[in-house]
PDB file of N, CA and C in Angstrom:
ATOM      1  N   MET A   1    -114.462 115.205-139.297  1.00  0.00           N
ATOM      2  CA  MET A   1    -114.381 115.067-137.716  1.00  0.00           C
ATOM      3  C   MET A   1    -115.343 115.479-137.127  1.00  0.00           C
ATOM      4  N   CYS A   2    -115.859 114.755-136.070  1.00  0.00           N
ATOM      5  CA  CYS A   2    -117.140 115.108-135.267  1.00  0.00           C
ATOM      6  C   CYS A   2    -116.420 116.065-134.094  1.00  0.00           C
ATOM      7  N   LEU A   3    -117.506 117.019-133.870  1.00  0.00           N
ATOM      8  CA  LEU A   3    -117.074 118.061-133.134  1.00  0.00           C
ATOM      9  C   LEU A   3    -117.779 117.846-131.531  1.00  0.00           C
ATOM     10  N   PHE A   4    -118.286 116.918-131.391  1.00  0.00           N
ATOM     11  CA  PHE A   4    -119.199 116.574-130.168  1.00  0.00           C
ATOM     12  C   PHE A   4    -118.494 115.187-129.549  1.00  0.00           C
ATOM     13  N   SER A   5    -118.590 115.172-128.102  1.00  0.00           N
ATOM     14  CA  SER A   5    -117.979 114.143-127.616  1.00  0.00           C
ATOM     15  C   SER A   5    -119.250 113.324-127.028  1.00  0.00           C
ATOM     16  N   TYR A   6    -119.702 112.254-127.683  1.00  0.00           N
ATOM     17  CA  TYR A   6    -120.753 111.446-127.213  1.00  0.00           C
ATOM     18  C   TYR A   6    -120.540 110.370-126.068  1.00  0.00           C
ATOM     19  N   ALA A   7    -119.162 110.415-125.820  1.00  0.00           N
ATOM     20  CA  ALA A   7    -119.010 109.466-124.558  1.00  0.00           C
ATOM     21  C   ALA A   7    -119.361 110.072-123.388  1.00  0.00           C
ATOM     22  N   GLU A   8    -119.657 111.448-123.229  1.00  0.00           N
ATOM     23  CA  GLU A   8    -119.947 112.283-122.080  1.00  0.00           C
ATOM     24  C   GLU A   8    -121.434 112.477-121.997  1.00  0.00           C
ATOM     25  N   ASP A   9    -122.423 112.075-122.957  1.00  0.00           N
ATOM     26  CA  ASP A   9    -123.724 112.352-122.812  1.00  0.00           C
ATOM     27  C   ASP A   9    -124.347 111.179-122.000  1.00  0.00           C
ATOM     28  N   PRO A  10    -125.222 111.824-121.221  1.00  0.00           N
ATOM     29  CA  PRO A  10    -125.902 110.833-120.169  1.00  0.00           C
ATOM     30  C   PRO A  10    -126.994 110.053-121.004  1.00  0.00           C
ATOM     31  N   ASP A  11    -127.231 108.760-120.322  1.00  0.00           N
ATOM     32  CA  ASP A  11    -127.966 108.030-120.866  1.00  0.00           C
ATOM     33  C   ASP A  11    -129.475 108.241-120.406  1.00  0.00           C
ATOM     34  N   PRO A  12    -130.404 108.478-121.485  1.00  0.00           N
ATOM     35  CA  PRO A  12    -131.560 109.142-121.074  1.00  0.00           C
ATOM     36  C   PRO A  12    -132.406 108.043-120.114  1.00  0.00           C
ATOM     37  N   ASP A  13    -132.149 106.821-120.115  1.00  0.00           N
ATOM     38  CA  ASP A  13    -132.899 105.881-119.452  1.00  0.00           C
ATOM     39  C   ASP A  13    -132.245 105.790-118.097  1.00  0.00           C
ATOM     40  N   GLU A  14    -131.216 106.348-117.710  1.00  0.00           N
ATOM     41  CA  GLU A  14    -130.356 106.470-116.446  1.00  0.00           C
ATOM     42  C   GLU A  14    -131.054 107.463-115.754  1.00  0.00           C
ATOM     43  N   GLN A  15    -131.682 107.149-114.419  1.00  0.00           N
ATOM     44  CA  GLN A  15    -132.352 108.168-113.676  1.00  0.00           C
ATOM     45  C   GLN A  15    -131.468 108.817-112.548  1.00  0.00           C
ATOM     46  N   ALA A  16    -131.155 109.942-112.527  1.00  0.00           N
ATOM     47  CA  ALA A  16    -130.262 110.635-111.371  1.00  0.00           C
ATOM     48  C   ALA A  16    -131.167 110.840-110.508  1.00  0.00           C
ATOM     49  N   PRO A  17    -130.796 111.094-109.102  1.00  0.00           N
ATOM     50  CA  PRO A  17    -131.604 111.202-108.087  1.00  0.00           C
ATOM     51  C   PRO A  17    -131.901 112.908-108.216  1.00  0.00           C
ATOM     52  N   ALA A  18    -133.433 113.109-107.956  1.00  0.00           N
ATOM     53  CA  ALA A  18    -133.844 114.573-108.041  1.00  0.00           C
ATOM     54  C   ALA A  18    -133.744 115.237-106.756  1.00  0.00           C
ATOM     55  N   GLY A  19    -133.482 114.805-105.593  1.00  0.00           N
ATOM     56  CA  GLY A  19    -133.408 115.352-104.249  1.00  0.00           C
ATOM     57  C   GLY A  19    -134.568 115.807-103.899  1.00  0.00           C
ATOM     58  N   LEU A  20    -134.458 116.967-103.156  1.00  0.00           N
ATOM     59  CA  LEU A  20    -135.801 117.539-102.405  1.00  0.00           C
ATOM     60  C   LEU A  20    -136.505 118.212-103.319  1.00  0.00           C
ATOM     61  N   LEU A  21    -137.795 117.992-103.584  1.00  0.00           N
ATOM     62  CA  LEU A  21    -138.618 118.491-104.486  1.00  0.00           C
ATOM     63  C   LEU A  21    -139.936 119.205-103.833  1.00  0.00           C
ATOM     64  N   PHE A  22    -140.434 120.167-104.650  1.00  0.00           N
ATOM     65  CA  PHE A  22    -141.798 120.881-104.155  1.00  0.00           C
ATOM     66  C   PHE A  22    -142.750 120.211-104.939  1.00  0.00           C
ATOM     67  N   VAL A  23    -143.713 119.648-104.311  1.00  0.00           N
ATOM     68  CA  VAL A  23    -144.885 118.888-104.831  1.00  0.00           C
ATOM     69  C   VAL A  23    -145.911 119.296-104.732  1.00  0.00           C
ATOM     70  N   PRO A  24    -146.748 119.595-105.900  1.00  0.00           N
ATOM     71  CA  PRO A  24    -148.072 120.186-105.833  1.00  0.00           C
ATOM     72  C   PRO A  24    -149.028 119.313-105.072  1.00  0.00           C
ATOM     73  N   VAL A  25    -149.835 119.944-104.121  1.00  0.00           N
ATOM     74  CA  VAL A  25    -150.717 119.443-103.390  1.00  0.00           C
ATOM     75  C   VAL A  25    -152.184 120.221-103.262  1.00  0.00           C
ATOM     76  N   ARG A  26    -153.020 119.236-102.896  1.00  0.00           N
ATOM     77  CA  ARG A  26    -154.632 120.078-102.765  1.00  0.00           C
ATOM     78  C   ARG A  26    -154.680 120.142-101.156  1.00  0.00           C
ATOM     79  N   PRO A  27    -155.253 121.146-100.730  1.00  0.00           N
ATOM     80  CA  PRO A  27    -155.536 121.379 -99.281  1.00  0.00           C
ATOM     81  C   PRO A  27    -156.672 120.311 -98.930  1.00  0.00           C
ATOM     82  N   GLU A  28    -156.785 119.676 -98.173  1.00  0.00           N
ATOM     83  CA  GLU A  28    -157.930 118.775 -97.895  1.00  0.00           C
ATOM     84  C   GLU A  28    -158.106 118.927 -96.195  1.00  0.00           C
ATOM     85  N   ALA A  29    -159.277 118.651 -95.698  1.00  0.00           N
ATOM     86  CA  ALA A  29    -159.485 118.511 -94.172  1.00  0.00           C
ATOM     87  C   ALA A  29    -158.630 117.537 -93.514  1.00  0.00           C
ATOM     88  N   ALA A  30    -158.390 116.313 -94.051  1.00  0.00           N
ATOM     89  CA  ALA A  30    -157.407 115.381 -93.207  1.00  0.00           C
ATOM     90  C   ALA A  30    -156.055 115.687 -93.660  1.00  0.00           C
ATOM     91  N   GLY A  31    -155.501 116.913 -94.217  1.00  0.00           N
ATOM     92  CA  GLY A  31    -154.078 117.038 -94.833  1.00  0.00           C
ATOM     93  C   GLY A  31    -153.996 117.226 -96.327  1.00  0.00           C
ATOM     94  N   PRO A  32    -152.880 117.625 -96.592  1.00  0.00           N
ATOM     95  CA  PRO A  32    -152.591 117.730 -98.046  1.00  0.00           C
ATOM     96  C   PRO A  32    -152.760 116.434 -99.018  1.00  0.00           C
ATOM     97  N   LEU A  33    -153.324 116.514-100.204  1.00  0.00           N
ATOM     98  CA  LEU A  33    -153.539 115.394-101.046  1.00  0.00           C
ATOM     99  C   LEU A  33    -152.700 115.614-102.054  1.00  0.00           C
ATOM    100  N   LEU A  34    -151.850 114.650-102.391  1.00  0.00           N
ATOM    101  CA  LEU A  34    -150.903 114.663-103.589  1.00  0.00           C
ATOM    102  C   LEU A  34    -151.557 114.993-104.883  1.00  0.00           C
ATOM    103  N   ARG A  35    -151.163 115.912-105.785  1.00  0.00           N
ATOM    104  CA  ARG A  35    -151.820 116.106-107.012  1.00  0.00           C
ATOM    105  C   ARG A  35    -151.052 115.118-108.111  1.00  0.00           C
ATOM    106  N   VAL A  36    -151.810 114.450-108.853  1.00  0.00           N
ATOM    107  CA  VAL A  36    -151.488 113.624-109.786  1.00  0.00           C
ATOM    108  C   VAL A  36    -151.794 114.249-111.233  1.00  0.00           C
ATOM    109  N   PHE A  37    -150.749 114.125-112.153  1.00  0.00           N
ATOM    110  CA  PHE A  37    -151.154 114.752-113.415  1.00  0.00           C
ATOM    111  C   PHE A  37    -150.969 113.684-114.426  1.00  0.00           C
ATOM    112  N   ARG A  38    -151.325 114.158-115.705  1.00  0.00           N
ATOM    113  CA  ARG A  38    -151.201 113.121-116.938  1.00  0.00           C
ATOM    114  C   ARG A  38    -150.208 113.708-118.053  1.00  0.00           C
ATOM    115  N   THR A  39    -149.584 112.678-118.493  1.00  0.00           N
ATOM    116  CA  THR A  39    -148.654 113.092-119.681  1.00  0.00           C
ATOM    117  C   THR A  39    -149.454 113.405-120.975  1.00  0.00           C
ATOM    118  N   PRO A  40    -149.010 113.813-121.818  1.00  0.00           N
ATOM    119  CA  PRO A  40    -149.645 114.187-123.226  1.00  0.00           C
ATOM    120  C   PRO A  40    -150.221 113.065-123.753  1.00  0.00           C
ATOM    121  N   LEU A  41    -149.810 111.874-123.501  1.00  0.00           N
ATOM    122  CA  LEU A  41    -150.187 110.441-123.892  1.00  0.00           C
ATOM    123  C   LEU A  41    -151.197 110.035-122.966  1.00  0.00           C
ATOM    124  N   GLY A  42    -151.731 110.681-121.826  1.00  0.00           N
ATOM    125  CA  GLY A  42    -152.597 109.989-120.694  1.00  0.00           C
ATOM    126  C   GLY A  42    -151.949 109.201-119.696  1.00  0.00           C
ATOM    127  N   GLU A  43    -150.625 109.060-119.751  1.00  0.00           N
ATOM    128  CA  GLU A  43    -150.209 108.366-118.619  1.00  0.00           C
ATOM    129  C   GLU A  43    -150.266 108.987-117.392  1.00  0.00           C
ATOM    130  N   ARG A  44    -150.492 108.528-116.172  1.00  0.00           N
ATOM    131  CA  ARG A  44    -150.506 109.270-114.962  1.00  0.00           C
ATOM    132  C   ARG A  44    -149.303 109.341-114.538  1.00  0.00           C
ATOM    133  N   THR A  45    -148.934 110.475-113.770  1.00  0.00           N
ATOM    134  CA  THR A  45    -147.292 110.777-113.324  1.00  0.00           C
ATOM    135  C   THR A  45    -147.540 111.758-112.226  1.00  0.00           C
ATOM    136  N   ALA A  46    -146.470 111.372-111.339  1.00  0.00           N
ATOM    137  CA  ALA A  46    -146.186 112.317-110.108  1.00  0.00           C
ATOM    138  C   ALA A  46    -145.335 113.451-110.717  1.00  0.00           C
ATOM    139  N   VAL A  47    -145.694 114.730-110.103  1.00  0.00           N
ATOM    140  CA  VAL A  47    -144.663 115.830-110.536  1.00  0.00           C
ATOM    141  C   VAL A  47    -144.040 116.507-109.458  1.00  0.00           C
ATOM    142  N   GLY A  48    -143.104 117.046-109.592  1.00  0.00           N
ATOM    143  CA  GLY A  48    -142.052 117.563-108.490  1.00  0.00           C
ATOM    144  C   GLY A  48    -141.163 118.579-109.186  1.00  0.00           C
ATOM    145  N   PHE A  49    -141.029 119.855-108.435  1.00  0.00           N
ATOM    146  CA  PHE A  49    -140.234 121.098-108.931  1.00  0.00           C
ATOM    147  C   PHE A  49    -139.081 121.188-108.191  1.00  0.00           C
ATOM    148  N   SER A  50    -137.953 121.273-108.641  1.00  0.00           N
ATOM    149  CA  SER A  50    -136.522 121.549-107.888  1.00  0.00           C
ATOM    150  C   SER A  50    -136.514 122.708-107.279  1.00  0.00           C
ATOM    151  N   ARG A  51    -137.229 123.729-107.716  1.00  0.00           N
ATOM    152  CA  ARG A  51    -137.230 125.206-107.010  1.00  0.00           C
ATOM    153  C   ARG A  51    -138.793 125.513-106.782  1.00  0.00           C
ATOM    154  N   ARG A  52    -139.167 126.204-105.869  1.00  0.00           N
ATOM    155  CA  ARG A  52    -140.470 126.855-105.766  1.00  0.00           C
ATOM    156  C   ARG A  52    -140.753 127.916-106.660  1.00  0.00           C
ATOM    157  N   ASP A  53    -140.016 128.671-107.259  1.00  0.00           N
ATOM    158  CA  ASP A  53    -140.144 129.606-108.367  1.00  0.00           C
ATOM    159  C   ASP A  53    -140.678 128.917-109.511  1.00  0.00           C
ATOM    160  N   LEU A  54    -139.990 127.816-109.780  1.00  0.00           N
ATOM    161  CA  LEU A  54    -140.417 126.844-111.001  1.00  0.00           C
ATOM    162  C   LEU A  54    -141.758 126.328-110.868  1.00  0.00           C
ATOM    163  N   LEU A  55    -142.353 125.874-109.839  1.00  0.00           N
ATOM    164  CA  LEU A  55    -143.641 125.614-109.584  1.00  0.00           C
ATOM    165  C   LEU A  55    -144.477 126.755-109.713  1.00  0.00           C
ATOM    166  N   THR A  56    -144.299 127.853-109.172  1.00  0.00           N
ATOM    167  CA  THR A  56    -145.148 129.043-109.247  1.00  0.00           C
ATOM    168  C   THR A  56    -145.262 129.430-110.801  1.00  0.00           C
ATOM    169  N   ALA A  57    -144.135 129.351-111.612  1.00  0.00           N
ATOM    170  CA  ALA A  57    -144.127 129.709-112.969  1.00  0.00           C
ATOM    171  C   ALA A  57    -145.155 128.943-113.768  1.00  0.00           C
ATOM    172  N   THR A  58    -145.067 127.572-113.480  1.00  0.00           N
ATOM    173  CA  THR A  58    -145.862 126.638-114.126  1.00  0.00           C
ATOM    174  C   THR A  58    -147.408 126.453-113.728  1.00  0.00           C
ATOM    175  N   LEU A  59    -147.534 126.483-112.360  1.00  0.00           N
ATOM    176  CA  LEU A  59    -148.978 126.206-111.760  1.00  0.00           C
ATOM    177  C   LEU A  59    -149.624 127.358-111.115  1.00  0.00           C
ATOM    178  N   GLY A  60    -148.808 128.490-110.944  1.00  0.00           N
ATOM    179  CA  GLY A  60    -149.466 129.750-110.565  1.00  0.00           C
ATOM    180  C   GLY A  60    -149.042 129.980-109.029  1.00  0.00           C
ATOM    181  N   ALA A  61    -149.177 131.194-108.552  1.00  0.00           N
ATOM    182  CA  ALA A  61    -148.724 131.700-107.301  1.00  0.00           C
ATOM    183  C   ALA A  61    -149.585 130.990-106.081  1.00  0.00           C
ATOM    184  N   GLY A  62    -150.943 130.407-106.510  1.00  0.00           N
ATOM    185  CA  GLY A  62    -151.772 130.027-105.346  1.00  0.00           C
ATOM    186  C   GLY A  62    -151.511 128.501-105.233  1.00  0.00           C
ATOM    187  N   GLN A  63    -150.793 127.895-105.956  1.00  0.00           N
ATOM    188  CA  GLN A  63    -150.533 126.296-105.793  1.00  0.00           C
ATOM    189  C   GLN A  63    -149.757 125.980-104.547  1.00  0.00           C
ATOM    190  N   PRO A  64    -150.572 125.577-103.473  1.00  0.00           N
ATOM    191  CA  PRO A  64    -149.792 124.815-102.467  1.00  0.00           C
ATOM    192  C   PRO A  64    -148.967 123.757-102.782  1.00  0.00           C
ATOM    193  N   ALA A  65    -147.850 123.601-101.993  1.00  0.00           N
ATOM    194  CA  ALA A  65    -146.728 122.393-102.335  1.00  0.00           C
ATOM    195  C   ALA A  65    -146.244 122.200-101.022  1.00  0.00           C
ATOM    196  N   ILE A  66    -145.755 120.919-100.871  1.00  0.00           N
ATOM    197  CA  ILE A  66    -144.888 120.507 -99.725  1.00  0.00           C
ATOM    198  C   ILE A  66    -143.496 119.802-100.289  1.00  0.00           C
ATOM    199  N   PRO A  67    -142.656 120.065 -99.395  1.00  0.00           N
ATOM    200  CA  PRO A  67    -141.395 119.409 -99.728  1.00  0.00           C
ATOM    201  C   PRO A  67    -141.020 117.990 -99.565  1.00  0.00           C
ATOM    202  N   LEU A  68    -140.648 117.332-100.577  1.00  0.00           N
ATOM    203  CA  LEU A  68    -140.655 115.819-100.544  1.00  0.00           C
ATOM    204  C   LEU A  68    -139.464 115.389-100.896  1.00  0.00           C
ATOM    205  N   ALA A  69    -138.560 114.395-100.600  1.00  0.00           N
ATOM    206  CA  ALA A  69    -137.371 113.726-101.176  1.00  0.00           C
ATOM    207  C   ALA A  69    -138.060 112.945-102.283  1.00  0.00           C
ATOM    208  N   GLU A  70    -137.463 112.841-103.515  1.00  0.00           N
ATOM    209  CA  GLU A  70    -137.854 111.809-104.376  1.00  0.00           C
ATOM    210  C   GLU A  70    -138.094 110.642-103.885  1.00  0.00           C
ATOM    211  N   PRO A  71    -137.412 109.763-103.091  1.00  0.00           N
ATOM    212  CA  PRO A  71    -137.806 108.528-102.880  1.00  0.00           C
ATOM    213  C   PRO A  71    -138.985 108.427-101.973  1.00  0.00           C
ATOM    214  N   ALA A  72    -139.478 109.478-101.192  1.00  0.00           N
ATOM    215  CA  ALA A  72    -140.863 109.617-100.537  1.00  0.00           C
ATOM    216  C   ALA A  72    -141.723 109.931-101.754  1.00  0.00           C
ATOM    217  N   LEU A  73    -141.702 110.636-102.620  1.00  0.00           N
ATOM    218  CA  LEU A  73    -142.586 110.820-103.602  1.00  0.00           C
ATOM    219  C   LEU A  73    -142.990 109.563-104.398  1.00  0.00           C
ATOM    220  N   ARG A  74    -141.801 108.853-104.473  1.00  0.00           N
ATOM    221  CA  ARG A  74    -141.971 107.612-105.404  1.00  0.00           C
ATOM    222  C   ARG A  74    -142.853 106.563-104.463  1.00  0.00           C
ATOM    223  N   ALA A  75    -142.413 106.562-103.175  1.00  0.00           N
ATOM    224  CA  ALA A  75    -143.260 105.502-102.191  1.00  0.00           C
ATOM    225  C   ALA A  75    -144.686 105.782-102.177  1.00  0.00           C
ATOM    226  N   LEU A  76    -145.019 107.183-102.230  1.00  0.00           N
ATOM    227  CA  LEU A  76    -146.611 107.589-102.174  1.00  0.00           C
ATOM    228  C   LEU A  76    -147.165 107.187-103.329  1.00  0.00           C
ATOM    229  N   THR A  77    -146.428 107.253-104.513  1.00  0.00           N
ATOM    230  CA  THR A  77    -147.243 107.065-105.752  1.00  0.00           C
ATOM    231  C   THR A  77    -147.231 105.523-106.302  1.00  0.00           C
ATOM    232  N   GLU A  78    -146.321 104.890-105.804  1.00  0.00           N
ATOM    233  CA  GLU A  78    -146.149 103.517-106.266  1.00  0.00           C
ATOM    234  C   GLU A  78    -147.426 102.631-105.751  1.00  0.00           C
ATOM    235  N   PRO A  79    -148.185 102.963-104.822  1.00  0.00           N
ATOM    236  CA  PRO A  79    -149.192 101.811-104.605  1.00  0.00           C
ATOM    237  C   PRO A  79    -150.509 102.322-105.350  1.00  0.00           C
ATOM    238  N   LEU A  80    -150.367 103.530-106.008  1.00  0.00           N
ATOM    239  CA  LEU A  80    -151.267 104.050-106.962  1.00  0.00           C
ATOM    240  C   LEU A  80    -151.078 103.490-108.467  1.00  0.00           C
ATOM    241  N   GLY A  81    -149.927 102.744-108.466  1.00  0.00           N
ATOM    242  CA  GLY A  81    -149.564 102.319-110.017  1.00  0.00           C
ATOM    243  C   GLY A  81    -149.080 103.387-110.696  1.00  0.00           C
ATOM    244  N   ILE A  82    -148.307 104.548-110.101  1.00  0.00           N
ATOM    245  CA  ILE A  82    -147.874 105.352-110.850  1.00  0.00           C
ATOM    246  C   ILE A  82    -146.183 105.383-110.647  1.00  0.00           C
ATOM    247  N   ASP A  83    -145.610 105.116-111.685  1.00  0.00           N
ATOM    248  CA  ASP A  83    -144.231 104.857-111.600  1.00  0.00           C
ATOM    249  C   ASP A  83    -143.271 106.046-112.329  1.00  0.00           C
ATOM    250  N   ARG A  84    -144.040 106.988-112.818  1.00  0.00           N
ATOM    251  CA  ARG A  84    -143.201 107.990-113.713  1.00  0.00           C
ATOM    252  C   ARG A  84    -143.428 109.108-112.910  1.00  0.00           C
ATOM    253  N   LEU A  85    -142.130 109.881-112.958  1.00  0.00           N
ATOM    254  CA  LEU A  85    -142.067 111.148-112.153  1.00  0.00           C
ATOM    255  C   LEU A  85    -141.549 112.251-112.962  1.00  0.00           C
ATOM    256  N   VAL A  86    -142.006 113.199-113.088  1.00  0.00           N
ATOM    257  CA  VAL A  86    -141.598 114.377-114.207  1.00  0.00           C
ATOM    258  C   VAL A  86    -140.945 115.442-113.120  1.00  0.00           C
ATOM    259  N   VAL A  87    -139.935 115.845-113.592  1.00  0.00           N
ATOM    260  CA  VAL A  87    -139.278 116.905-112.596  1.00  0.00           C
ATOM    261  C   VAL A  87    -139.276 118.420-113.418  1.00  0.00           C
ATOM    262  N   ASP A  88    -139.620 119.131-112.846  1.00  0.00           N
ATOM    263  CA  ASP A  88    -139.457 120.745-113.580  1.00  0.00           C
ATOM    264  C   ASP A  88    -140.234 120.727-114.876  1.00  0.00           C
ATOM    265  N   PRO A  89    -141.528 120.203-115.128  1.00  0.00           N
ATOM    266  CA  PRO A  89    -142.167 120.102-116.393  1.00  0.00           C
ATOM    267  C   PRO A  89    -142.637 121.773-116.814  1.00  0.00           C
ATOM    268  N   VAL A  90    -142.399 122.095-118.028  1.00  0.00           N
ATOM    269  CA  VAL A  90    -142.784 123.524-118.335  1.00  0.00           C
ATOM    270  C   VAL A  90    -143.902 123.401-119.205  1.00  0.00           C
ATOM    271  N   LEU A  91    -144.505 122.556-119.836  1.00  0.00           N
ATOM    272  CA  LEU A  91    -145.478 122.422-120.803  1.00  0.00           C
ATOM    273  C   LEU A  91    -146.698 122.147-120.015  1.00  0.00           C
ATOM    274  N   THR A  92    -147.939 123.038-120.168  1.00  0.00           N
ATOM    275  CA  THR A  92    -148.878 122.741-119.303  1.00  0.00           C
ATOM    276  C   THR A  92    -150.147 123.155-120.406  1.00  0.00           C
ATOM    277  N   ALA A  93    -151.189 122.819-120.025  1.00  0.00           N
ATOM    278  CA  ALA A  93    -152.403 123.073-120.709  1.00  0.00           C
ATOM    279  C   ALA A  93    -152.937 124.740-120.235  1.00  0.00           C
ATOM    280  N   PRO A  94    -153.400 125.262-121.413  1.00  0.00           N
ATOM    281  CA  PRO A  94    -153.901 126.787-121.063  1.00  0.00           C
ATOM    282  C   PRO A  94    -155.006 126.837-119.738  1.00  0.00           C
ATOM    283  N   ALA A  95    -155.012 128.029-119.106  1.00  0.00           N
ATOM    284  CA  ALA A  95    -155.931 128.096-118.113  1.00  0.00           C
ATOM    285  C   ALA A  95    -157.341 127.808-118.504  1.00  0.00           C
ATOM    286  N   VAL A  96    -158.180 127.311-117.633  1.00  0.00           N
ATOM    287  CA  VAL A  96    -159.448 127.026-117.930  1.00  0.00           C
ATOM    288  C   VAL A  96    -160.219 128.337-117.805  1.00  0.00           C
ATOM    289  N   ILE A  97    -161.125 128.331-118.732  1.00  0.00           N
ATOM    290  CA  ILE A  97    -161.876 129.768-119.009  1.00  0.00           C
ATOM    291  C   ILE A  97    -163.083 129.465-117.966  1.00  0.00           C
ATOM    292  N   THR A  98    -163.240 130.718-116.970  1.00  0.00           N
ATOM    293  CA  THR A  98    -164.325 130.583-115.852  1.00  0.00           C
ATOM    294  C   THR A  98    -165.624 131.059-116.664  1.00  0.00           C
ATOM    295  N   LYS A  99    -165.537 131.740-117.677  1.00  0.00           N
ATOM    296  CA  LYS A  99    -166.772 132.415-118.187  1.00  0.00           C
ATOM    297  C   LYS A  99    -167.491 131.426-119.169  1.00  0.00           C
ATOM    298  N   PRO A 100    -168.826 131.102-119.055  1.00  0.00           N
ATOM    299  CA  PRO A 100    -169.356 130.151-119.978  1.00  0.00           C
ATOM    300  C   PRO A 100    -169.407 130.611-121.299  1.00  0.00           C
ATOM    301  N   VAL A 101    -169.307 129.759-122.364  1.00  0.00           N
ATOM    302  CA  VAL A 101    -169.253 130.374-123.741  1.00  0.00           C
ATOM    303  C   VAL A 101    -170.578 130.059-124.399  1.00  0.00           C
ATOM    304  N   TYR A 102    -171.352 130.935-124.660  1.00  0.00           N
ATOM    305  CA  TYR A 102    -172.524 130.398-125.515  1.00  0.00           C
ATOM    306  C   TYR A 102    -172.427 130.562-127.073  1.00  0.00           C
ATOM    307  N   ALA A 103    -173.322 129.866-127.603  1.00  0.00           N
ATOM    308  CA  ALA A 103    -173.234 129.814-129.108  1.00  0.00           C
ATOM    309  C   ALA A 103    -173.420 131.170-129.561  1.00  0.00           C
ATOM    310  N   ALA A 104    -174.028 132.045-128.919  1.00  0.00           N
ATOM    311  CA  ALA A 104    -174.195 133.349-129.675  1.00  0.00           C
ATOM    312  C   ALA A 104    -173.104 134.394-129.593  1.00  0.00           C
ATOM    313  N   ASP A 105    -172.127 133.854-128.616  1.00  0.00           N
ATOM    314  CA  ASP A 105    -170.839 134.507-128.465  1.00  0.00           C
ATOM    315  C   ASP A 105    -169.727 134.172-129.398  1.00  0.00           C
ATOM    316  N   VAL A 106    -169.984 133.066-130.208  1.00  0.00           N
ATOM    317  CA  VAL A 106    -169.200 132.486-130.960  1.00  0.00           C
ATOM    318  C   VAL A 106    -169.411 132.829-132.478  1.00  0.00           C
ATOM    319  N   PRO A 107    -168.268 133.321-133.288  1.00  0.00           N
ATOM    320  CA  PRO A 107    -168.620 133.815-134.673  1.00  0.00           C
ATOM    321  C   PRO A 107    -169.078 132.489-135.470  1.00  0.00           C
ATOM    322  N   ALA A 108    -169.999 132.812-136.198  1.00  0.00           N
ATOM    323  CA  ALA A 108    -170.536 131.775-137.254  1.00  0.00           C
ATOM    324  C   ALA A 108    -169.610 130.953-137.847  1.00  0.00           C
ATOM    325  N   ARG A 109    -168.524 131.423-138.389  1.00  0.00           N
ATOM    326  CA  ARG A 109    -167.425 130.736-139.186  1.00  0.00           C
ATOM    327  C   ARG A 109    -166.834 129.660-138.130  1.00  0.00           C
ATOM    328  N   ALA A 110    -166.749 129.904-136.720  1.00  0.00           N
ATOM    329  CA  ALA A 110    -166.089 128.997-135.944  1.00  0.00           C
ATOM    330  C   ALA A 110    -166.941 127.732-135.486  1.00  0.00           C
ATOM    331  N   LEU A 111    -168.306 127.787-135.698  1.00  0.00           N
ATOM    332  CA  LEU A 111    -169.263 126.797-135.496  1.00  0.00           C
ATOM    333  C   LEU A 111    -169.129 125.876-136.636  1.00  0.00           C
TER     334      LEU A 111
END
């Protein structure tokens, strides 16, 4: 006997509306510029967060963002050829090291 009801599982291809999202931007002289990210496979994607604290936890406290409805975000990215939207991503790359690494600083066995 199966303990799980598969009739209630959502279809992964079915997109539910995301609602209002906090969208990461870069401040520019002409106004905020939408940040575009890449998936692990290199596909360009728009990113939005359902809550400001989730954006801060993923991208840091200094990341500016603007609130946008999902349809508005899709309308902004469609002319760029971006049809993927990731909501509340949690996996990110490690922070960039700001101190330059010199060969003398790396142990010989790592080279």
